[in-house]
């Protein structure tokens, strides 16, 4: 946890363009966006990955989705957005602090068949 970049952002020891913050979560712009809008929603509690959540994290996980909906509305992408996460290195997780990617803002209809879900 000591060198976790997301923990540093939570503690205001590293810069971030914050879109939302409350007692449990912080949401900020991704520095390497894959979409016109790309925000990371991060629990302030350090949890390395989804497979490590516990029963006590149930309401926190629900809060993430409600906040994702609200941020999408605030940023004008409420009609077309995605919420995604990776669990573990082999799934593409590169920062081991649980985080959810909120992406959207595409101007054309999304048509990649292999990504539909």
Protein backbone atom coordinates (compact mmCIF):
# COMPACT_ATOMS: atom_id res chain seq x y z
CA UNK A 1 0.00 0.00 0.00
CA UNK A 2 2.86 2.39 0.70
CA UNK A 3 3.59 3.15 -2.94
CA UNK A 4 0.05 2.67 -4.29
CA UNK A 5 -0.65 5.59 -6.64
CA UNK A 6 -4.39 5.50 -5.91
CA UNK A 7 -3.77 5.62 -2.15
CA UNK A 8 -1.57 8.66 -2.80
CA UNK A 9 -4.39 10.31 -4.78
CA UNK A 10 -6.84 9.55 -1.96
CA UNK A 11 -4.43 11.19 0.52
CA UNK A 12 -3.88 14.16 -1.84
CA UNK A 13 -0.20 13.26 -2.15
CA UNK A 14 -0.48 12.86 -5.93
CA UNK A 15 -2.35 15.09 -8.39
CA UNK A 16 -5.60 14.11 -10.08
CA UNK A 17 -8.47 15.81 -11.88
CA UNK A 18 -11.22 14.89 -9.44
CA UNK A 19 -14.78 14.59 -10.74
CA UNK A 20 -16.35 13.33 -7.51
CA UNK A 21 -15.39 12.64 -3.91
CA UNK A 22 -17.16 11.58 -0.74
CA UNK A 23 -16.16 9.70 2.43
CA UNK A 24 -15.96 6.34 0.62
CA UNK A 25 -14.99 7.03 -2.99
CA UNK A 26 -12.96 9.27 -5.22
CA UNK A 27 -13.43 9.55 -8.98
CA UNK A 28 -10.88 11.18 -11.24
CA UNK A 29 -9.91 11.45 -14.90
CA UNK A 30 -7.70 8.68 -16.25
CA UNK A 31 -4.33 10.06 -17.40
CA UNK A 32 -4.31 7.53 -20.28
CA UNK A 33 -7.92 7.64 -21.53
CA UNK A 34 -9.29 5.03 -23.93
CA UNK A 35 -12.47 7.03 -24.61
CA UNK A 36 -13.44 10.69 -24.85
CA UNK A 37 -14.61 10.43 -21.23
CA UNK A 38 -12.61 8.06 -19.01
CA UNK A 39 -12.98 8.35 -15.25
CA UNK A 40 -11.67 5.98 -12.60
CA UNK A 41 -13.92 5.36 -9.60
CA UNK A 42 -11.80 4.25 -6.66
CA UNK A 43 -12.80 3.16 -3.16
CA UNK A 44 -10.78 5.05 -0.57
CA UNK A 45 -10.42 1.78 1.32
CA UNK A 46 -7.44 -0.08 -0.13
CA UNK A 47 -8.69 -3.32 -1.65
CA UNK A 48 -6.23 -4.82 -4.12
CA UNK A 49 -8.77 -6.45 -6.46
CA UNK A 50 -12.39 -7.52 -6.73
CA UNK A 51 -11.65 -11.09 -5.62
CA UNK A 52 -10.57 -9.65 -2.26
CA UNK A 53 -13.80 -7.85 -1.34
CA UNK A 54 -15.69 -9.10 1.70
CA UNK A 55 -19.30 -9.07 2.88
CA UNK A 56 -18.62 -5.76 4.62
CA UNK A 57 -17.87 -4.19 1.21
CA UNK A 58 -21.31 -4.97 -0.23
CA UNK A 59 -22.79 -1.49 0.20
CA UNK A 60 -19.55 0.11 -1.06
CA UNK A 61 -19.81 -1.87 -4.30
CA UNK A 62 -23.40 -0.73 -4.78
CA UNK A 63 -22.37 2.85 -4.09
CA UNK A 64 -19.81 2.61 -6.90
CA UNK A 65 -22.55 1.89 -9.45
CA UNK A 66 -24.80 4.68 -8.21
CA UNK A 67 -21.92 7.14 -8.35
CA UNK A 68 -20.99 5.91 -11.85
CA UNK A 69 -24.53 6.71 -13.01
CA UNK A 70 -24.36 10.18 -11.43
CA UNK A 71 -20.94 10.98 -12.90
CA UNK A 72 -22.11 9.81 -16.33
CA UNK A 73 -25.04 12.22 -16.09
CA UNK A 74 -22.80 15.07 -14.89
CA UNK A 75 -20.39 14.53 -17.80
CA UNK A 76 -23.14 14.24 -20.43
CA UNK A 77 -22.73 10.55 -21.25
CA UNK A 78 -25.71 9.10 -19.39
CA UNK A 79 -27.24 7.56 -22.51
CA UNK A 80 -24.14 5.55 -23.52
CA UNK A 81 -21.40 4.54 -21.11
CA UNK A 82 -19.54 1.51 -19.78
CA UNK A 83 -18.37 0.51 -16.31
CA UNK A 84 -15.58 -2.07 -16.29
CA UNK A 85 -12.86 -3.47 -14.08
CA UNK A 86 -10.07 -6.01 -14.29
CA UNK A 87 -9.34 -8.56 -11.57
CA UNK A 88 -5.70 -9.61 -11.56
CA UNK A 89 -2.68 -9.16 -13.78
CA UNK A 90 -3.79 -11.77 -16.32
CA UNK A 91 -7.04 -9.83 -16.79
CA UNK A 92 -5.13 -6.61 -17.47
CA UNK A 93 -5.13 -5.04 -14.00
CA UNK A 94 -2.06 -2.83 -13.73
CA UNK A 95 -2.77 -0.88 -10.52
CA UNK A 96 -3.54 -3.15 -7.60
CA UNK A 97 -6.09 -0.97 -5.89
CA UNK A 98 -9.65 -1.81 -6.89
CA UNK A 99 -10.93 0.67 -9.46
CA UNK A 100 -13.78 0.90 -11.93
CA UNK A 101 -13.42 2.46 -15.39
CA UNK A 102 -16.31 4.69 -16.46
CA UNK A 103 -15.96 5.30 -20.19
CA UNK A 104 -18.15 7.00 -22.78
CA UNK A 105 -18.53 9.99 -25.01
CA UNK A 106 -18.35 8.18 -28.32
CA UNK A 107 -20.07 10.04 -31.15
CA UNK A 108 -20.94 6.97 -33.25
CA UNK A 109 -22.83 3.83 -32.35
CA UNK A 110 -20.57 1.21 -30.79
CA UNK A 111 -20.44 -1.77 -33.17
CA UNK A 112 -17.54 -4.05 -32.20
CA UNK A 113 -19.25 -7.45 -32.03
CA UNK A 114 -16.62 -9.07 -29.82
CA UNK A 115 -17.14 -6.41 -27.13
CA UNK A 116 -20.92 -6.54 -26.93
CA UNK A 117 -22.20 -7.61 -23.59
